[in-house]
Structure formats: C-alpha cells, structure tokens
Amino acid sequence: MSGKRIGIGARPTTDPQAQAWIRQTGRETLGKGSLYTARLTLDVTPALRARIKVAAFGEGITVAEMLRELLERRFPEDAP
C-alpha cells in the first residue's frame, strides 16, 4: 500500500422531499414507541393464540392492535 491519499469529494446535496419523508417516518416510529412504553406478558394456550392471530389477520390488524382495542373498551380512561 502506498502512502498516497485519495480525496472523497464534496458531500452530495440532499433532496428536501426525501429528507421530509425520512423525518416523517422516524416521527411515526418514535411516536408509537413513546406512546406504548409498558409491556404486558400474558400466558395463553397455543389454541387461543392461534384464534387471536387468525381473528387479527382477518381484520387486517396486528394482534397487539387488536388486544389494545379490547383492553381500551374494557378499561376506558374515564372509568370510575
């Protein structure tokens, strides 16, 4: 290897639309993570887990979204 240095060059200019898209995507991801900060572990039978997964898939949502909706209905914020 020789001691000759090769310059990298100037930093390319950024596309403002691309930067806005990156920031927007990051905010959505961070927002969800900061919103749901508590983890709940629940033991269920494999058969119940399968039924839950099939139901969530049928509704086009994740199991986590489905269970959050169920828990919100059962334990609303304004409950006594």
C-alpha atoms as a PDB file:
ATOM      1  CA  MET A   1       0.000   0.000   0.000  1.00  0.00           C
ATOM      2  CA  SER A   2       1.305   3.398  -0.898  1.00  0.00           C
ATOM      3  CA  GLY A   3       1.033   6.489   1.266  1.00  0.00           C
ATOM      4  CA  LYS A   4      -0.960   8.317  -1.425  1.00  0.00           C
ATOM      5  CA  ARG A   5      -4.272   9.771  -0.200  1.00  0.00           C
ATOM      6  CA  ILE A   6      -7.362   9.893  -2.335  1.00  0.00           C
ATOM      7  CA  GLY A   7      -9.949  12.580  -1.595  1.00  0.00           C
ATOM      8  CA  ILE A   8     -13.526  11.531  -1.059  1.00  0.00           C
ATOM      9  CA  GLY A   9     -15.085  14.627  -2.566  1.00  0.00           C
ATOM     10  CA  ALA A  10     -17.812  17.020  -1.590  1.00  0.00           C
ATOM     11  CA  ARG A  11     -20.910  15.850   0.230  1.00  0.00           C
ATOM     12  CA  PRO A  12     -23.842  15.433  -2.164  1.00  0.00           C
ATOM     13  CA  THR A  13     -26.755  17.817  -1.870  1.00  0.00           C
ATOM     14  CA  THR A  14     -29.872  16.479  -0.182  1.00  0.00           C
ATOM     15  CA  ASP A  15     -33.315  16.182  -1.673  1.00  0.00           C
ATOM     16  CA  PRO A  16     -35.719  18.164   0.571  1.00  0.00           C
ATOM     17  CA  GLN A  17     -38.603  15.788  -0.198  1.00  0.00           C
ATOM     18  CA  ALA A  18     -36.514  12.773   0.739  1.00  0.00           C
ATOM     19  CA  GLN A  19     -35.419  14.409   3.985  1.00  0.00           C
ATOM     20  CA  ALA A  20     -39.037  15.270   4.886  1.00  0.00           C
ATOM     21  CA  TRP A  21     -40.067  11.671   4.224  1.00  0.00           C
ATOM     22  CA  ILE A  22     -37.280  10.330   6.437  1.00  0.00           C
ATOM     23  CA  ARG A  23     -38.205  12.687   9.275  1.00  0.00           C
ATOM     24  CA  GLN A  24     -41.899  11.834   8.971  1.00  0.00           C
ATOM     25  CA  THR A  25     -41.227   8.094   9.073  1.00  0.00           C
ATOM     26  CA  GLY A  26     -38.970   8.495  12.087  1.00  0.00           C
ATOM     27  CA  ARG A  27     -41.574  10.517  13.961  1.00  0.00           C
ATOM     28  CA  GLU A  28     -44.254   7.899  13.406  1.00  0.00           C
ATOM     29  CA  THR A  29     -41.972   5.167  14.669  1.00  0.00           C
ATOM     30  CA  LEU A  30     -40.829   7.174  17.685  1.00  0.00           C
ATOM     31  CA  GLY A  31     -44.354   8.317  18.443  1.00  0.00           C
ATOM     32  CA  LYS A  32     -45.645   4.773  18.674  1.00  0.00           C
ATOM     33  CA  GLY A  33     -42.725   3.659  20.803  1.00  0.00           C
ATOM     34  CA  SER A  34     -43.115   6.534  23.215  1.00  0.00           C
ATOM     35  CA  LEU A  35     -46.882   6.012  23.379  1.00  0.00           C
ATOM     36  CA  TYR A  36     -46.683   2.312  24.321  1.00  0.00           C
ATOM     37  CA  THR A  37     -43.949   2.099  26.908  1.00  0.00           C
ATOM     38  CA  ALA A  38     -45.326  -0.652  29.171  1.00  0.00           C
ATOM     39  CA  ARG A  39     -45.116  -4.301  28.180  1.00  0.00           C
ATOM     40  CA  LEU A  40     -47.678  -6.838  29.340  1.00  0.00           C
ATOM     41  CA  THR A  41     -46.998 -10.561  29.251  1.00  0.00           C
ATOM     42  CA  LEU A  42     -49.933 -12.920  29.158  1.00  0.00           C
ATOM     43  CA  ASP A  43     -49.793 -16.717  29.039  1.00  0.00           C
ATOM     44  CA  VAL A  44     -52.428 -18.281  26.781  1.00  0.00           C
ATOM     45  CA  THR A  45     -52.857 -21.710  25.271  1.00  0.00           C
ATOM     46  CA  PRO A  46     -51.456 -22.270  21.793  1.00  0.00           C
ATOM     47  CA  ALA A  47     -55.012 -22.799  20.516  1.00  0.00           C
ATOM     48  CA  LEU A  48     -56.188 -19.435  21.894  1.00  0.00           C
ATOM     49  CA  ARG A  49     -53.119 -17.704  20.488  1.00  0.00           C
ATOM     50  CA  ALA A  50     -53.889 -19.179  17.078  1.00  0.00           C
ATOM     51  CA  ARG A  51     -57.525 -17.999  17.227  1.00  0.00           C
ATOM     52  CA  ILE A  52     -56.415 -14.498  18.207  1.00  0.00           C
ATOM     53  CA  LYS A  53     -53.889 -14.362  15.361  1.00  0.00           C
ATOM     54  CA  VAL A  54     -56.446 -15.571  12.803  1.00  0.00           C
ATOM     55  CA  ALA A  55     -59.003 -13.017  14.009  1.00  0.00           C
ATOM     56  CA  ALA A  56     -56.482 -10.165  13.879  1.00  0.00           C
ATOM     57  CA  PHE A  57     -55.333 -11.195  10.403  1.00  0.00           C
ATOM     58  CA  GLY A  58     -58.963 -11.343   9.279  1.00  0.00           C
ATOM     59  CA  GLU A  59     -59.455  -7.751  10.427  1.00  0.00           C
ATOM     60  CA  GLY A  60     -56.209  -6.627   8.816  1.00  0.00           C
ATOM     61  CA  ILE A  61     -54.602  -5.534  12.075  1.00  0.00           C
ATOM     62  CA  THR A  62     -51.855  -6.827  14.325  1.00  0.00           C
ATOM     63  CA  VAL A  63     -52.505  -8.911  17.419  1.00  0.00           C
ATOM     64  CA  ALA A  64     -51.152  -6.041  19.532  1.00  0.00           C
ATOM     65  CA  GLU A  65     -53.590  -3.577  17.948  1.00  0.00           C
ATOM     66  CA  MET A  66     -56.498  -5.956  18.474  1.00  0.00           C
ATOM     67  CA  LEU A  67     -55.663  -6.566  22.115  1.00  0.00           C
ATOM     68  CA  ARG A  68     -55.143  -2.845  22.786  1.00  0.00           C
ATOM     69  CA  GLU A  69     -58.612  -2.153  21.364  1.00  0.00           C
ATOM     70  CA  LEU A  70     -60.152  -4.883  23.522  1.00  0.00           C
ATOM     71  CA  LEU A  71     -58.415  -3.611  26.647  1.00  0.00           C
ATOM     72  CA  GLU A  72     -59.376   0.007  25.909  1.00  0.00           C
ATOM     73  CA  ARG A  73     -63.040  -0.983  25.594  1.00  0.00           C
ATOM     74  CA  ARG A  74     -62.921  -2.977  28.824  1.00  0.00           C
ATOM     75  CA  PHE A  75     -60.908  -0.401  30.772  1.00  0.00           C
ATOM     76  CA  PRO A  76     -61.748   3.053  29.377  1.00  0.00           C
ATOM     77  CA  GLU A  77     -59.814   6.054  30.686  1.00  0.00           C
ATOM     78  CA  ASP A  78     -62.895   7.712  32.139  1.00  0.00           C
ATOM     79  CA  ALA A  79     -63.991   4.615  34.092  1.00  0.00           C
ATOM     80  CA  PRO A  80     -64.612   5.098  37.836  1.00  0.00           C
END
